Amino acid sequence: MFRKMILGFIFICLPWNAVWALEINFSDASVADVVSALAKQAGVDLIMSGDSNSQKRASVYLKDATAEEAMEYILRANGFTYEKKGNMMLVSTLPQDLSQTAYKGVSREIKLKYLQAEKVSALLSKLMPSVISISGVRANSLVLRGKEGELDEAEQLIADLDAPVPQILIESKVMEISESDSIRFGLDHNSGIFKFVNGEKGEDIISTLNALMGSGKANLVANPRIATLDNHEAVINIGSRIPYAVPVSSTSSGTQWTVEYIDAGVKLKIIPQLGSENYITTFIQPEVSAISEWRTTAAGDFPVISTRNASATVRVKNGETIVVGGLISETDRVNVTRIPILGHIPFINFLFQNRTVEKAKTEIIFLITPYVL
């Protein structure tokens, strides 16, 4: 019946009700004939449809495989598609379309715990295009439609992926030091150029900053802590919202104005990404903005914001500190000197005092420490 075909079955002693393992050896045999022979050996009902690939031939040698396992291996290796239901196996060369199969498609609703339904649906459409997936009517659920065996695989894949997303705590200290002290104590970062430092050099800078704080030469502006999911953005914003008036309409009786706001200060965006061996890769984007001037126009006075920003990607160990320096901020400091007693008398005190405006430059330094929760 089979041309150039050698079929050898070596039975391994198993209990009477176990599945027999075989040594299977076919040489240049028709795939259809091989699958038919194995189906009889396994006691499986077989239906084969389509004949465009029925003349495919194969040479097979399998050791310690069941007849049913051998059928699956041979069908996959030769591009055949198949579907199992109970004791029936349908083998087809037709496209994988539910309308082309002997079995009706089934539907299942999967409740997701952590992943977003839209993202899982997009992933399944690429990995298992024959499975139809849409977002469910319930919150964060997914409806799958396809063949029962494929839905089993899809459900197992989703179960493996739908795991808690790690959280990362970003602990930061925002410190301010005069530019002159920064240079004096060796903390100069090339006069306003952003620098990202970690490791031993970062530890040296931290020690110096702690000493400066102890002597009152460094000021702790803020100590914010923020938690975010792995590969999600965290934003730390320290500054002011500057109000300014904007005309919205003008009539014969007058002009109507509305108040709008613009942010100015220090902002830090961080995207942490957890890697292997407890390393954390952090994308860091600092920004310093300040009002450089107020510009007078026909519509009113508007603030002009000067902004400097940079970005870097730094890889650190869990709990290791990153030092971000070089964020120079310039502010106007008003100094008032008064003549004793006379300089404090209401309405005439301005005659006995002197006001001077001094440009003060300070350096803002961030100490950023990511922790895996």
Protein backbone atom coordinates (compact mmCIF):
# COMPACT_ATOMS: atom_id res chain seq x y z
CA MET A 1 0.00 0.00 0.00
CA PHE A 2 2.78 2.45 0.87
CA ARG A 3 5.65 3.04 -1.53
CA LYS A 4 9.11 2.85 0.05
CA MET A 5 7.47 2.77 3.48
CA ILE A 6 8.80 1.02 6.50
CA LEU A 7 6.61 0.98 9.58
CA GLY A 8 8.01 -0.34 12.82
CA PHE A 9 6.19 -0.38 16.13
CA ILE A 10 8.19 -1.14 19.25
CA PHE A 11 5.81 -1.35 22.21
CA ILE A 12 6.97 -0.20 25.63
CA CYS A 13 5.52 -2.10 28.53
CA LEU A 14 2.89 0.05 30.19
CA PRO A 15 -0.25 -0.72 32.21
CA TRP A 16 -3.08 -2.09 30.10
CA ASN A 17 -5.08 1.16 30.19
CA ALA A 18 -2.15 3.52 29.38
CA VAL A 19 -1.34 5.08 26.02
CA TRP A 20 1.18 2.98 24.11
CA ALA A 21 4.47 4.64 23.17
CA LEU A 22 5.86 3.61 19.80
CA GLU A 23 8.94 3.81 17.68
CA ILE A 24 7.63 5.07 14.35
CA ASN A 25 9.63 4.87 11.13
CA PHE A 26 8.28 5.91 7.71
CA SER A 27 10.40 6.48 4.61
CA ASP A 28 9.14 8.64 1.69
CA ALA A 29 5.50 7.90 2.49
CA SER A 30 2.35 9.82 1.64
CA VAL A 31 1.42 12.08 4.55
CA ALA A 32 -2.25 11.21 4.11
CA ASP A 33 -1.47 7.48 4.30
CA VAL A 34 0.77 7.92 7.34
CA VAL A 35 -1.86 9.93 9.22
CA SER A 36 -4.53 7.34 8.35
CA ALA A 37 -2.37 4.51 9.66
CA LEU A 38 -1.60 6.36 12.88
CA ALA A 39 -5.28 7.26 13.37
CA LYS A 40 -6.20 3.57 13.22
CA GLN A 41 -3.42 2.74 15.68
CA ALA A 42 -4.61 5.48 18.08
CA GLY A 43 -8.29 4.59 17.69
CA VAL A 44 -9.11 8.12 16.47
CA ASP A 45 -11.91 8.89 13.98
CA LEU A 46 -10.37 10.81 11.09
CA ILE A 47 -11.88 13.13 8.46
CA MET A 48 -9.60 14.70 5.83
CA SER A 49 -10.80 17.48 3.50
CA GLY A 50 -9.09 19.20 0.58
CA ASP A 51 -6.75 17.48 -1.85
CA SER A 52 -4.32 20.19 -3.00
CA ASN A 53 -1.66 18.94 -0.61
CA SER A 54 -2.74 15.32 -0.40
CA GLN A 55 0.31 14.13 -2.36
CA LYS A 56 2.77 15.51 0.18
CA ARG A 57 5.34 12.94 1.23
CA ALA A 58 7.44 12.67 4.35
CA SER A 59 10.07 10.57 6.07
CA VAL A 60 9.46 10.15 9.78
CA TYR A 61 11.38 8.65 12.66
CA LEU A 62 9.95 9.09 16.15
CA LYS A 63 10.98 7.27 19.30
CA ASP A 64 8.82 6.90 22.38
CA ALA A 65 5.90 8.86 20.88
CA THR A 66 2.21 7.95 21.00
CA ALA A 67 0.36 7.54 17.73
CA GLU A 68 -1.75 10.64 18.44
CA GLU A 69 1.34 12.74 19.21
CA ALA A 70 2.96 11.51 15.99
CA MET A 71 -0.12 12.58 13.99
CA GLU A 72 0.12 16.12 15.39
CA TYR A 73 3.86 16.38 14.71
CA ILE A 74 3.47 15.20 11.11
CA LEU A 75 0.51 17.47 10.36
CA ARG A 76 2.25 20.55 11.77
CA ALA A 77 5.51 19.83 9.96
CA ASN A 78 3.72 19.50 6.62
CA GLY A 79 1.50 22.57 6.85
CA PHE A 80 -1.80 20.80 7.50
CA THR A 81 -4.31 22.30 9.92
CA TYR A 82 -6.34 20.13 12.24
CA GLU A 83 -8.92 20.33 14.97
CA LYS A 84 -9.69 17.81 17.69
CA LYS A 85 -13.02 17.34 19.41
CA GLY A 86 -13.48 14.31 21.57
CA ASN A 87 -12.36 11.27 19.60
CA MET A 88 -12.70 13.03 16.25
CA MET A 89 -9.88 14.72 14.33
CA LEU A 90 -10.59 16.93 11.31
CA VAL A 91 -7.64 17.54 8.98
CA SER A 92 -7.96 20.28 6.39
CA THR A 93 -5.87 22.20 3.87
CA LEU A 94 -8.48 24.96 3.71
CA PRO A 95 -7.85 28.45 5.17
CA GLN A 96 -8.39 28.74 8.89
CA ASP A 97 -11.82 30.29 8.75
CA LEU A 98 -14.63 29.21 11.05
CA SER A 99 -16.95 29.04 8.05
CA GLN A 100 -14.67 26.37 6.52
CA THR A 101 -14.65 23.99 9.46
CA ALA A 102 -16.96 21.18 10.48
CA TYR A 103 -17.28 22.53 13.99
CA LYS A 104 -19.08 25.67 15.08
CA GLY A 105 -17.08 28.40 16.73
CA VAL A 106 -17.47 28.94 20.46
CA SER A 107 -17.26 32.13 22.49
CA ARG A 108 -15.76 32.82 25.89
CA GLU A 109 -15.50 35.86 28.11
CA ILE A 110 -12.19 36.32 29.91
CA LYS A 111 -11.99 38.57 32.96
CA LEU A 112 -8.65 40.37 33.13
CA LYS A 113 -7.10 41.30 36.47
CA TYR A 114 -4.17 43.51 35.50
CA LEU A 115 -3.83 43.91 31.73
CA GLN A 116 -5.93 46.23 29.60
CA ALA A 117 -8.41 44.47 27.32
CA GLU A 118 -7.50 46.60 24.28
CA LYS A 119 -3.80 45.72 24.56
CA VAL A 120 -4.49 41.99 24.99
CA SER A 121 -6.83 42.03 21.98
CA ALA A 122 -4.15 43.70 19.85
CA LEU A 123 -1.57 41.11 20.96
CA LEU A 124 -3.85 38.15 20.21
CA SER A 125 -4.63 39.50 16.74
CA LYS A 126 -0.92 39.20 15.94
CA LEU A 127 -0.12 35.93 17.72
CA MET A 128 -3.37 34.07 16.98
CA PRO A 129 -5.09 35.77 14.02
CA SER A 130 -7.68 32.98 13.72
CA VAL A 131 -9.08 33.90 17.16
CA ILE A 132 -11.47 36.84 17.15
CA SER A 133 -11.09 39.04 20.23
CA ILE A 134 -12.96 42.19 21.25
CA SER A 135 -13.30 44.20 24.45
CA GLY A 136 -16.17 42.92 26.57
CA VAL A 137 -19.16 44.86 27.83
CA ARG A 138 -17.94 44.47 31.41
CA ALA A 139 -15.04 46.41 32.85
CA ASN A 140 -11.72 45.09 31.56
CA SER A 141 -13.05 41.87 30.08
CA LEU A 142 -12.30 40.23 26.75
CA VAL A 143 -14.61 38.18 24.51
CA LEU A 144 -12.93 35.48 22.42
CA ARG A 145 -14.44 33.54 19.54
CA GLY A 146 -12.84 30.69 17.69
CA LYS A 147 -12.34 26.96 17.73
CA GLU A 148 -12.36 25.33 21.12
CA GLY A 149 -8.77 24.12 20.98
CA GLU A 150 -7.51 27.55 19.94
CA LEU A 151 -9.49 29.23 22.71
CA ASP A 152 -7.84 26.88 25.22
CA GLU A 153 -4.43 28.04 23.98
CA ALA A 154 -5.46 31.69 23.99
CA GLU A 155 -6.85 31.44 27.53
CA GLN A 156 -3.64 29.83 28.78
CA LEU A 157 -1.56 32.54 27.09
CA ILE A 158 -3.66 35.27 28.71
CA ALA A 159 -3.37 33.59 32.12
CA ASP A 160 0.42 33.56 31.79
CA LEU A 161 0.56 37.25 30.79
CA ASP A 162 -2.10 38.64 33.15
CA ALA A 163 0.24 39.07 36.11
CA PRO A 164 0.69 42.03 38.47
CA VAL A 165 2.79 44.84 37.03
CA PRO A 166 5.71 45.69 39.36
CA GLN A 167 5.56 49.04 41.11
CA ILE A 168 8.58 51.29 41.55
CA LEU A 169 8.87 53.94 44.25
CA ILE A 170 10.73 57.09 43.23
CA GLU A 171 12.19 58.80 46.28
CA SER A 172 13.79 62.15 45.58
CA LYS A 173 15.36 65.05 47.39
CA VAL A 174 15.43 68.50 45.85
CA MET A 175 18.30 70.57 47.22
CA GLU A 176 19.32 74.17 46.56
CA ILE A 177 22.82 75.55 46.89
CA SER A 178 24.34 78.82 45.76
CA GLU A 179 26.31 78.66 42.54
CA SER A 180 29.40 80.00 44.30
CA ASP A 181 29.26 77.28 46.96
CA SER A 182 28.66 74.67 44.27
CA ILE A 183 31.92 75.65 42.57
CA ARG A 184 33.77 76.07 45.86
CA PHE A 185 32.95 72.56 47.09
CA GLY A 186 33.63 70.84 43.80
CA LEU A 187 30.00 70.39 42.72
CA ASP A 188 30.32 72.48 39.57
CA HIS A 189 28.49 70.87 36.64
CA ASN A 190 30.00 72.96 33.87
CA SER A 191 27.95 76.05 34.74
CA GLY A 192 24.41 75.05 33.92
CA ILE A 193 24.98 71.90 31.86
CA PHE A 194 22.84 69.03 33.09
CA LYS A 195 24.81 66.17 34.56
CA PHE A 196 23.57 62.70 35.55
CA VAL A 197 25.84 60.92 38.02
CA ASN A 198 25.58 57.65 39.94
CA GLY A 199 27.93 55.08 41.45
CA GLU A 200 30.99 56.10 43.49
CA LYS A 201 31.08 59.66 42.16
CA GLY A 202 27.44 60.08 43.05
CA GLU A 203 28.12 58.86 46.61
CA ASP A 204 30.89 61.47 46.96
CA ILE A 205 28.49 64.25 45.89
CA ILE A 206 25.83 63.03 48.33
CA SER A 207 28.34 63.10 51.19
CA THR A 208 29.33 66.66 50.28
CA LEU A 209 25.69 67.78 50.11
CA ASN A 210 24.94 66.26 53.51
CA ALA A 211 27.91 68.16 54.96
CA LEU A 212 26.66 71.40 53.36
CA MET A 213 23.20 70.85 54.82
CA GLY A 214 24.73 70.34 58.25
CA SER A 215 26.54 73.69 57.95
CA GLY A 216 23.48 75.49 56.58
CA LYS A 217 24.98 76.06 53.12
CA ALA A 218 22.50 73.76 51.36
CA ASN A 219 18.74 73.92 51.63
CA LEU A 220 16.36 70.96 51.31
CA VAL A 221 13.59 72.38 49.13
CA ALA A 222 11.39 69.28 48.99
CA ASN A 223 11.47 65.55 49.60
CA PRO A 224 8.76 64.13 47.30
CA ARG A 225 8.00 60.41 47.01
CA ILE A 226 5.94 59.01 44.17
CA ALA A 227 5.13 55.44 43.10
CA THR A 228 4.50 54.41 39.53
CA LEU A 229 4.01 51.21 37.57
CA ASP A 230 6.88 49.64 35.69
CA ASN A 231 7.47 51.50 32.40
CA HIS A 232 5.00 54.28 33.33
CA GLU A 233 5.79 57.96 33.71
CA ALA A 234 6.10 59.74 37.05
CA VAL A 235 6.20 63.56 37.22
CA ILE A 236 7.56 65.70 40.04
CA ASN A 237 6.71 69.41 39.72
CA ILE A 238 8.00 72.06 42.11
CA GLY A 239 7.22 75.62 41.15
CA SER A 240 4.52 78.24 40.76
CA ARG A 241 1.52 78.84 38.55
CA ILE A 242 1.86 82.35 37.19
CA PRO A 243 -1.49 84.10 36.56
CA TYR A 244 -2.00 86.60 33.77
CA ALA A 245 -5.06 88.28 32.30
CA VAL A 246 -6.29 87.51 28.80
CA PRO A 247 -9.05 89.51 27.06
CA VAL A 248 -11.92 87.37 25.84
CA SER A 249 -14.35 89.97 24.49
CA SER A 250 -14.62 93.70 24.04
CA THR A 251 -17.75 95.83 23.93
CA SER A 252 -18.60 99.50 24.13
CA SER A 253 -19.08 99.16 27.86
CA GLY A 254 -15.68 97.60 28.43
CA THR A 255 -13.48 94.54 28.04
CA GLN A 256 -14.06 91.19 29.65
CA TRP A 257 -10.99 89.36 30.89
CA THR A 258 -10.21 85.85 32.01
CA VAL A 259 -7.29 84.60 34.06
CA GLU A 260 -4.99 81.93 32.65
CA TYR A 261 -1.97 80.29 34.24
CA ILE A 262 1.47 79.18 33.11
CA ASP A 263 3.76 76.89 35.10
CA ALA A 264 7.29 77.91 36.02
CA GLY A 265 9.77 76.18 38.26
CA VAL A 266 11.48 72.79 38.38
CA LYS A 267 9.93 69.73 36.79
CA LEU A 268 11.29 66.20 36.62
CA LYS A 269 9.81 63.41 34.49
CA ILE A 270 10.94 59.84 35.19
CA ILE A 271 10.06 56.59 33.41
CA PRO A 272 11.52 53.59 35.31
CA GLN A 273 11.83 50.20 33.66
CA LEU A 274 12.60 47.12 35.73
CA GLY A 275 15.26 44.85 34.24
CA SER A 276 17.01 41.65 35.23
CA GLU A 277 18.98 41.17 38.46
CA ASN A 278 17.07 44.04 40.14
CA TYR A 279 18.52 46.70 37.84
CA ILE A 280 16.30 49.67 36.98
CA THR A 281 16.70 51.61 33.75
CA THR A 282 15.41 55.16 34.23
CA PHE A 283 14.63 57.71 31.53
CA ILE A 284 15.10 61.09 33.24
CA GLN A 285 14.01 64.45 31.81
CA PRO A 286 14.66 67.52 34.02
CA GLU A 287 13.36 70.96 33.17
CA VAL A 288 13.95 74.39 34.71
CA SER A 289 11.73 77.32 33.72
CA ALA A 290 11.42 80.87 35.00
CA ILE A 291 9.92 84.21 34.01
CA SER A 292 12.60 86.08 32.10
CA GLU A 293 10.49 89.21 31.55
CA TRP A 294 6.99 90.64 31.33
CA ARG A 295 6.16 91.81 27.87
CA THR A 296 3.63 94.63 27.47
CA THR A 297 1.27 94.39 24.50
CA ALA A 298 -1.96 96.09 23.47
CA ALA A 299 -3.86 93.25 25.14
CA GLY A 300 -1.96 93.50 28.41
CA ASP A 301 1.17 92.22 30.12
CA PHE A 302 2.25 88.66 29.42
CA PRO A 303 5.06 86.60 31.01
CA VAL A 304 7.93 85.34 28.88
CA ILE A 305 9.10 81.95 30.15
CA SER A 306 12.67 80.80 29.58
CA THR A 307 13.08 77.03 29.74
CA ARG A 308 16.02 74.65 29.77
CA ASN A 309 15.66 70.89 29.61
CA ALA A 310 17.63 67.76 28.87
CA SER A 311 17.15 64.00 28.93
CA ALA A 312 19.23 60.94 29.75
CA THR A 313 18.83 57.21 30.34
CA VAL A 314 20.63 55.88 33.42
CA ARG A 315 20.81 52.26 34.60
CA VAL A 316 21.12 51.76 38.36
CA LYS A 317 20.73 49.04 40.95
CA ASN A 318 17.64 48.87 43.13
CA GLY A 319 18.11 51.52 45.84
CA GLU A 320 21.06 53.28 44.16
CA THR A 321 20.89 57.09 43.99
CA ILE A 322 21.15 59.17 40.81
CA VAL A 323 22.39 62.75 41.16
CA VAL A 324 21.03 65.27 38.66
CA GLY A 325 22.92 68.55 38.79
CA GLY A 326 23.50 71.64 36.72
CA LEU A 327 19.98 73.04 37.04
CA ILE A 328 20.91 76.69 37.53
CA SER A 329 18.03 78.95 38.60
CA GLU A 330 18.24 82.74 38.61
CA THR A 331 15.98 84.81 40.86
CA ASP A 332 15.65 88.45 41.86
CA ARG A 333 16.44 88.97 45.53
CA VAL A 334 15.24 92.26 47.04
CA ASN A 335 17.46 93.71 49.79
CA VAL A 336 16.01 96.50 51.94
CA THR A 337 18.06 98.68 54.30
CA ARG A 338 16.25 101.07 56.67
CA ILE A 339 17.14 103.88 59.04
CA PRO A 340 16.17 102.73 62.53
CA ILE A 341 12.71 103.87 63.68
CA LEU A 342 12.15 106.28 60.76
CA GLY A 343 12.34 103.48 58.21
CA HIS A 344 9.30 101.80 59.86
CA ILE A 345 6.91 104.76 60.05
CA PRO A 346 3.89 104.16 57.78
CA PHE A 347 3.43 106.35 54.68
CA ILE A 348 6.85 108.02 54.99
CA ASN A 349 9.06 104.96 55.57
CA PHE A 350 10.03 104.85 51.89
CA LEU A 351 11.91 108.12 52.42
CA PHE A 352 14.21 106.45 54.94
CA GLN A 353 14.95 103.13 53.28
CA ASN A 354 16.92 101.85 50.33
CA ARG A 355 15.86 98.98 48.07
CA THR A 356 18.29 97.07 45.85
CA VAL A 357 17.55 94.12 43.56
CA GLU A 358 20.23 91.46 43.39
CA LYS A 359 20.43 88.68 40.85
CA ALA A 360 20.94 85.45 42.78
CA LYS A 361 22.00 82.25 41.05
CA THR A 362 21.39 78.93 42.76
CA GLU A 363 21.85 75.36 41.63
CA ILE A 364 19.01 72.88 42.01
CA ILE A 365 20.22 69.31 42.60
CA PHE A 366 17.99 66.24 42.46
CA LEU A 367 18.84 63.06 44.34
CA ILE A 368 16.74 60.31 42.79
CA THR A 369 16.51 56.83 44.31
CA PRO A 370 14.26 54.19 42.69
CA TYR A 371 13.07 51.20 44.76
CA VAL A 372 11.21 48.10 43.59
CA LEU A 373 8.10 47.59 45.74
